[in-house]
N, C-alpha and C. Protein backbone atom coordinates (compact mmCIF):
# COMPACT_ATOMS: atom_id res chain seq x y z
N MET A 1 151.46 84.56 93.38
CA MET A 1 150.04 83.74 92.94
C MET A 1 150.44 82.98 91.75
N ARG A 2 150.53 82.05 91.55
CA ARG A 2 151.02 81.15 91.20
C ARG A 2 149.47 80.97 90.17
N THR A 3 149.08 81.32 88.38
CA THR A 3 148.36 81.53 87.43
C THR A 3 148.28 80.57 86.49
N GLU A 4 147.90 79.81 85.91
CA GLU A 4 147.92 79.21 84.53
C GLU A 4 146.72 79.12 84.09
N TRP A 5 147.09 79.31 82.67
CA TRP A 5 145.55 78.66 81.65
C TRP A 5 145.75 77.94 80.70
N GLN A 6 145.10 77.41 80.89
CA GLN A 6 144.80 76.42 79.01
C GLN A 6 143.49 76.62 79.19
N GLU A 7 143.08 76.63 77.37
CA GLU A 7 142.29 76.78 76.63
C GLU A 7 142.00 75.66 75.41
N THR A 8 140.88 75.12 76.12
CA THR A 8 140.84 73.24 75.04
C THR A 8 140.83 74.47 74.00
N LYS A 9 141.00 73.75 72.55
CA LYS A 9 140.82 73.98 71.05
C LYS A 9 139.26 73.40 70.88
N LYS A 10 138.63 72.05 71.24
CA LYS A 10 137.44 71.53 70.63
C LYS A 10 136.48 71.78 71.54
N SER A 11 136.46 72.92 72.92
CA SER A 11 135.36 72.77 73.74
C SER A 11 135.53 74.65 73.92
N ASP A 12 134.84 75.10 75.03
CA ASP A 12 135.33 76.29 75.52
C ASP A 12 135.62 75.81 77.31
N ILE A 13 136.37 75.24 77.29
CA ILE A 13 136.10 74.93 78.87
C ILE A 13 137.55 75.34 79.38
N ALA A 14 138.05 76.28 79.76
CA ALA A 14 139.41 76.65 80.58
C ALA A 14 139.81 76.26 81.82
N TYR A 15 140.86 75.94 82.02
CA TYR A 15 141.78 75.25 83.66
C TYR A 15 142.45 76.35 83.87
N ARG A 16 142.47 76.84 85.42
CA ARG A 16 143.40 78.11 85.72
C ARG A 16 143.90 77.20 86.92
N VAL A 17 145.07 77.36 87.46
CA VAL A 17 145.65 77.18 88.65
C VAL A 17 146.06 78.57 89.87
N GLU A 18 145.26 78.67 90.70
CA GLU A 18 145.63 79.58 91.71
C GLU A 18 146.18 78.99 93.17
N ARG A 19 147.50 79.89 93.81
CA ARG A 19 147.48 78.47 94.85
C ARG A 19 147.79 76.88 94.42
N ASN A 20 147.21 76.75 95.17
CA ASN A 20 146.79 74.97 95.16
C ASN A 20 145.29 74.64 94.83
N THR A 21 144.97 75.38 94.03
CA THR A 21 143.19 75.42 93.71
C THR A 21 143.08 75.17 92.00
N LEU A 22 142.60 74.20 91.30
CA LEU A 22 142.24 74.23 89.88
C LEU A 22 140.47 74.97 90.00
N VAL A 23 140.98 75.50 88.90
CA VAL A 23 139.31 76.49 88.52
C VAL A 23 139.28 75.80 87.04
N ILE A 24 137.98 75.17 86.92
CA ILE A 24 137.30 74.30 86.02
C ILE A 24 136.17 75.28 85.55
N THR A 25 136.56 75.97 84.15
CA THR A 25 135.53 76.77 83.80
C THR A 25 134.53 76.10 82.86
N LEU A 26 133.37 76.05 82.96
CA LEU A 26 132.71 74.81 82.00
C LEU A 26 132.47 75.47 80.48
N GLY A 27 132.03 74.54 79.82
CA GLY A 27 131.37 75.76 78.78
C GLY A 27 129.67 75.22 78.82
N SER A 28 128.86 75.27 77.84
CA SER A 28 127.61 75.38 78.26
C SER A 28 127.43 74.25 78.10
N GLU A 29 127.78 73.24 77.93
CA GLU A 29 127.10 72.15 78.45
C GLU A 29 128.35 70.47 79.13
N LEU A 30 127.74 70.12 80.52
CA LEU A 30 128.76 69.63 80.51
C LEU A 30 128.40 68.23 80.74
N ASP A 31 128.50 67.26 79.34
CA ASP A 31 128.09 65.72 79.06
C ASP A 31 129.03 64.78 78.63
N HIS A 32 128.66 63.78 77.89
CA HIS A 32 129.37 62.92 77.88
C HIS A 32 130.27 63.53 77.07
N HIS A 33 130.47 64.55 75.93
CA HIS A 33 131.43 64.85 75.29
C HIS A 33 132.57 65.36 76.08
N SER A 34 131.89 66.12 76.95
CA SER A 34 133.42 66.96 77.35
C SER A 34 133.90 66.11 78.68
N ALA A 35 133.21 64.84 79.40
CA ALA A 35 133.17 64.49 80.52
C ALA A 35 134.88 64.01 80.80
N GLU A 36 135.09 63.60 79.76
CA GLU A 36 136.38 62.72 79.71
C GLU A 36 137.87 63.70 79.48
N HIS A 37 137.54 64.77 78.77
CA HIS A 37 138.39 65.87 78.99
C HIS A 37 139.09 66.00 79.93
N ILE A 38 137.55 66.52 80.49
CA ILE A 38 137.75 67.40 82.09
C ILE A 38 138.08 66.31 83.01
N LYS A 39 137.94 65.22 82.96
CA LYS A 39 138.36 64.22 83.74
C LYS A 39 140.25 64.52 83.37
N ASN A 40 140.61 64.00 82.13
CA ASN A 40 141.68 63.84 81.76
C ASN A 40 142.32 65.02 82.36
N GLN A 41 142.29 66.04 81.46
CA GLN A 41 142.77 67.23 81.93
C GLN A 41 142.88 67.78 83.38
N SER A 42 141.78 67.24 84.25
CA SER A 42 142.21 67.84 85.53
C SER A 42 142.86 66.69 86.57
N GLU A 43 143.35 65.92 85.88
CA GLU A 43 144.29 64.13 86.46
C GLU A 43 145.54 65.32 86.58
N TYR A 44 145.79 65.69 85.00
CA TYR A 44 146.87 66.44 85.11
C TYR A 44 147.27 67.55 85.72
N TYR A 45 146.06 68.50 85.94
CA TYR A 45 146.22 69.29 86.50
C TYR A 45 146.61 69.51 88.14
N LEU A 46 145.90 67.70 88.55
CA LEU A 46 146.16 67.95 90.08
C LEU A 46 147.58 66.70 90.58
N TYR A 47 148.33 66.58 89.66
CA TYR A 47 149.28 65.93 89.64
C TYR A 47 150.57 67.17 89.30
N LYS A 48 150.49 67.78 88.23
CA LYS A 48 151.57 68.43 88.02
C LYS A 48 151.40 69.51 89.05
N HIS A 49 150.45 70.46 89.61
CA HIS A 49 150.13 71.40 90.32
C HIS A 49 150.20 71.35 91.67
N GLN A 50 149.96 69.60 92.60
CA GLN A 50 149.71 69.59 93.89
C GLN A 50 148.75 70.08 94.30
N ILE A 51 147.37 69.84 93.28
CA ILE A 51 145.96 70.56 93.31
C ILE A 51 145.45 69.98 94.77
N ARG A 52 144.96 70.50 95.46
CA ARG A 52 144.12 70.45 96.94
C ARG A 52 142.27 70.47 96.52
N HIS A 53 142.25 71.19 95.77
CA HIS A 53 141.03 72.09 95.85
C HIS A 53 140.25 72.00 94.11
N ILE A 54 139.16 71.83 94.26
CA ILE A 54 138.86 72.48 92.56
C ILE A 54 137.36 72.76 92.94
N VAL A 55 137.52 73.96 92.12
CA VAL A 55 136.23 74.80 91.61
C VAL A 55 135.97 74.67 90.42
N PHE A 56 134.59 74.04 90.22
CA PHE A 56 133.85 74.01 88.75
C PHE A 56 132.74 75.71 88.82
N ASP A 57 133.26 76.42 87.70
CA ASP A 57 132.57 77.85 87.74
C ASP A 57 131.23 77.15 86.18
N PHE A 58 130.27 77.27 86.58
CA PHE A 58 129.30 77.05 85.76
C PHE A 58 128.78 78.14 85.60
N ALA A 59 129.27 79.32 84.96
CA ALA A 59 128.54 80.71 84.55
C ALA A 59 127.75 80.64 83.27
N LYS A 60 128.92 80.01 82.36
CA LYS A 60 128.45 79.76 81.20
C LYS A 60 127.27 78.23 80.69
N THR A 61 127.44 77.57 81.56
CA THR A 61 126.91 76.27 81.70
C THR A 61 125.05 76.03 81.85
N ASN A 62 124.08 75.55 80.82
CA ASN A 62 123.24 75.22 80.94
C ASN A 62 122.51 74.01 80.99
N PHE A 63 123.41 72.99 80.51
CA PHE A 63 122.78 71.20 80.37
C PHE A 63 123.61 70.56 81.50
N MET A 64 123.57 69.66 82.01
CA MET A 64 124.53 68.82 82.52
C MET A 64 123.60 67.72 82.59
N ASP A 65 124.01 66.22 81.97
CA ASP A 65 123.84 65.08 82.29
C ASP A 65 124.64 64.00 83.07
N SER A 66 124.24 62.70 83.53
CA SER A 66 124.63 61.89 84.61
C SER A 66 126.46 62.25 84.18
N SER A 67 126.80 62.10 83.04
CA SER A 67 128.22 61.79 82.73
C SER A 67 128.79 63.43 83.84
N GLY A 68 128.48 64.33 83.41
CA GLY A 68 128.60 65.64 84.38
C GLY A 68 128.58 64.84 85.80
N ILE A 69 127.51 64.35 86.24
CA ILE A 69 127.43 64.55 87.70
C ILE A 69 128.75 63.68 88.18
N GLY A 70 128.65 62.58 87.69
CA GLY A 70 129.70 61.50 87.60
C GLY A 70 131.51 62.41 87.95
N VAL A 71 131.57 63.56 86.51
CA VAL A 71 132.84 63.78 86.31
C VAL A 71 133.15 64.48 88.20
N ILE A 72 132.06 65.27 88.49
CA ILE A 72 132.04 65.85 89.74
C ILE A 72 132.31 64.76 90.79
N MET A 73 131.61 64.25 90.60
CA MET A 73 132.10 62.36 91.73
C MET A 73 132.93 62.03 91.77
N GLY A 74 133.62 61.51 90.79
CA GLY A 74 134.84 61.49 90.84
C GLY A 74 136.23 62.38 90.94
N ARG A 75 136.03 63.73 90.63
CA ARG A 75 136.94 64.56 91.11
C ARG A 75 136.49 64.72 92.86
N TYR A 76 135.67 64.78 93.16
CA TYR A 76 134.80 64.76 94.62
C TYR A 76 135.86 63.64 95.34
N LYS A 77 136.12 62.52 94.69
CA LYS A 77 136.47 61.15 95.87
C LYS A 77 138.12 61.35 95.41
N THR A 78 138.55 62.14 94.48
CA THR A 78 139.84 62.41 94.18
C THR A 78 140.66 63.15 95.27
N VAL A 79 139.71 64.27 95.27
CA VAL A 79 140.87 65.45 96.26
C VAL A 79 140.17 65.24 97.51
N ARG A 80 139.19 64.30 97.52
CA ARG A 80 139.10 64.11 99.20
C ARG A 80 140.12 63.41 99.89
N GLY A 81 140.47 62.16 98.96
CA GLY A 81 141.65 61.51 99.08
C GLY A 81 143.05 62.08 99.32
N LEU A 82 143.32 63.38 98.71
CA LEU A 82 144.36 63.95 99.22
C LEU A 82 144.37 64.97 100.19
N GLY A 83 142.77 65.35 101.12
CA GLY A 83 142.46 66.14 102.10
C GLY A 83 142.26 67.25 101.88
N GLY A 84 141.46 67.27 100.30
CA GLY A 84 141.25 68.52 99.92
C GLY A 84 139.40 68.72 99.90
N THR A 85 139.04 70.06 98.97
CA THR A 85 137.70 70.00 98.55
C THR A 85 137.04 70.59 97.66
N ILE A 86 135.95 69.86 96.84
CA ILE A 86 135.25 70.54 95.42
C ILE A 86 134.29 71.58 95.81
N ALA A 87 134.10 72.67 95.00
CA ALA A 87 133.10 73.68 95.00
C ALA A 87 132.55 73.99 93.71
N VAL A 88 131.34 74.17 94.14
CA VAL A 88 130.38 75.22 92.44
C VAL A 88 130.47 76.32 92.41
N ALA A 89 129.93 76.88 91.67
CA ALA A 89 129.93 78.85 91.56
C ALA A 89 129.39 78.99 90.27
N ASN A 90 128.32 79.60 90.66
CA ASN A 90 127.61 80.34 89.37
C ASN A 90 126.93 79.52 88.83
N VAL A 91 125.87 78.95 90.01
CA VAL A 91 125.08 77.29 89.56
C VAL A 91 123.21 78.20 89.62
N SER A 92 123.07 77.67 87.80
CA SER A 92 121.63 78.51 87.87
C SER A 92 120.82 77.80 88.80
N GLU A 93 119.46 78.06 88.68
CA GLU A 93 118.48 77.43 89.34
C GLU A 93 118.19 75.86 88.65
N GLN A 94 118.40 76.24 87.34
CA GLN A 94 118.14 74.96 86.45
C GLN A 94 118.74 73.62 87.19
N LEU A 95 120.33 74.09 86.77
CA LEU A 95 121.23 72.99 87.50
C LEU A 95 121.28 72.81 88.99
N GLU A 96 121.02 73.63 89.84
CA GLU A 96 120.74 74.00 91.23
C GLU A 96 119.87 72.10 91.19
N ARG A 97 118.81 72.42 91.15
CA ARG A 97 117.48 70.75 90.54
C ARG A 97 118.55 70.01 90.85
N ILE A 98 119.38 70.09 89.43
CA ILE A 98 120.25 68.87 89.06
C ILE A 98 121.14 68.15 90.65
N PHE A 99 121.09 69.14 90.87
CA PHE A 99 122.61 69.16 92.39
C PHE A 99 121.93 68.38 93.55
N VAL A 100 120.42 68.95 94.02
CA VAL A 100 119.72 68.21 94.65
C VAL A 100 119.46 67.19 94.66
N ILE A 101 118.89 66.84 93.08
CA ILE A 101 118.28 65.36 93.04
C ILE A 101 119.37 64.47 92.84
N SER A 102 120.16 64.69 92.64
CA SER A 102 121.48 63.84 93.02
C SER A 102 122.32 63.44 93.80
N GLY A 103 121.92 64.43 94.47
CA GLY A 103 122.66 64.30 95.97
C GLY A 103 123.86 64.83 95.84
N LEU A 104 124.27 65.78 95.10
CA LEU A 104 125.71 66.38 94.85
C LEU A 104 125.74 67.70 95.83
N HIS A 105 124.20 68.14 96.16
CA HIS A 105 124.84 69.36 96.93
C HIS A 105 125.28 68.84 98.52
N LYS A 106 125.06 67.23 99.23
CA LYS A 106 125.68 67.42 99.78
C LYS A 106 127.06 66.89 100.47
N LEU A 107 127.56 67.10 98.57
CA LEU A 107 129.09 66.70 98.83
C LEU A 107 130.41 67.90 98.46
N VAL A 108 129.23 68.95 97.72
CA VAL A 108 130.15 69.88 97.40
C VAL A 108 129.66 71.70 97.86
N ASP A 109 130.48 72.21 98.56
CA ASP A 109 129.70 73.76 98.79
C ASP A 109 129.56 75.10 97.59
N ARG A 110 128.57 75.55 97.18
CA ARG A 110 128.31 76.05 96.34
C ARG A 110 128.66 77.55 96.66
N TYR A 111 128.99 78.27 96.09
CA TYR A 111 129.12 79.83 96.04
C TYR A 111 128.65 80.50 95.12
N GLN A 112 128.59 82.00 95.37
CA GLN A 112 127.93 82.81 94.24
C GLN A 112 128.89 82.98 93.19
N THR A 113 130.06 83.12 93.64
CA THR A 113 131.02 83.80 92.34
C THR A 113 132.71 82.30 93.10
N VAL A 114 133.12 82.56 91.69
CA VAL A 114 134.57 81.77 91.55
C VAL A 114 134.95 82.41 92.65
N ARG A 115 135.52 83.63 92.98
CA ARG A 115 136.52 84.52 93.81
C ARG A 115 136.07 84.14 95.43
N ASP A 116 134.72 83.92 95.39
CA ASP A 116 134.08 83.13 96.89
C ASP A 116 134.64 82.06 97.14
N ALA A 117 134.44 81.24 95.79
CA ALA A 117 134.81 79.71 96.39
C ALA A 117 136.37 79.52 96.55
N ILE A 118 136.97 80.03 96.06
CA ILE A 118 138.59 80.13 96.44
C ILE A 118 138.87 80.76 97.53
N GLN A 119 138.56 81.82 98.18
CA GLN A 119 138.46 82.24 99.08
C GLN A 119 137.81 81.77 100.93
């Protein structure tokens, strides 16, 4: 099993590769400040490691705005074009409402834990 960690200095976002899955552990906020960084880093991992699936870990996240929705939508379009999937894990009730209102709940699979999402 191949695993790679990269922790950013400017935020509390971490990236981990397991087989052909990129796990993005988000910080406390998924907003316009972190969206561009996540977009750029995920593109790097997608092509460097031939990623087909992405799991967003929301365990530490308590806020998401429209930029966060856009990041997830953009990654969905990218990996779907590669034959992959997007999943989310550890989504709070508050963020679950955003997923439902935005329609993301129809596009991404939701899991209780990252391990469940990877398997």
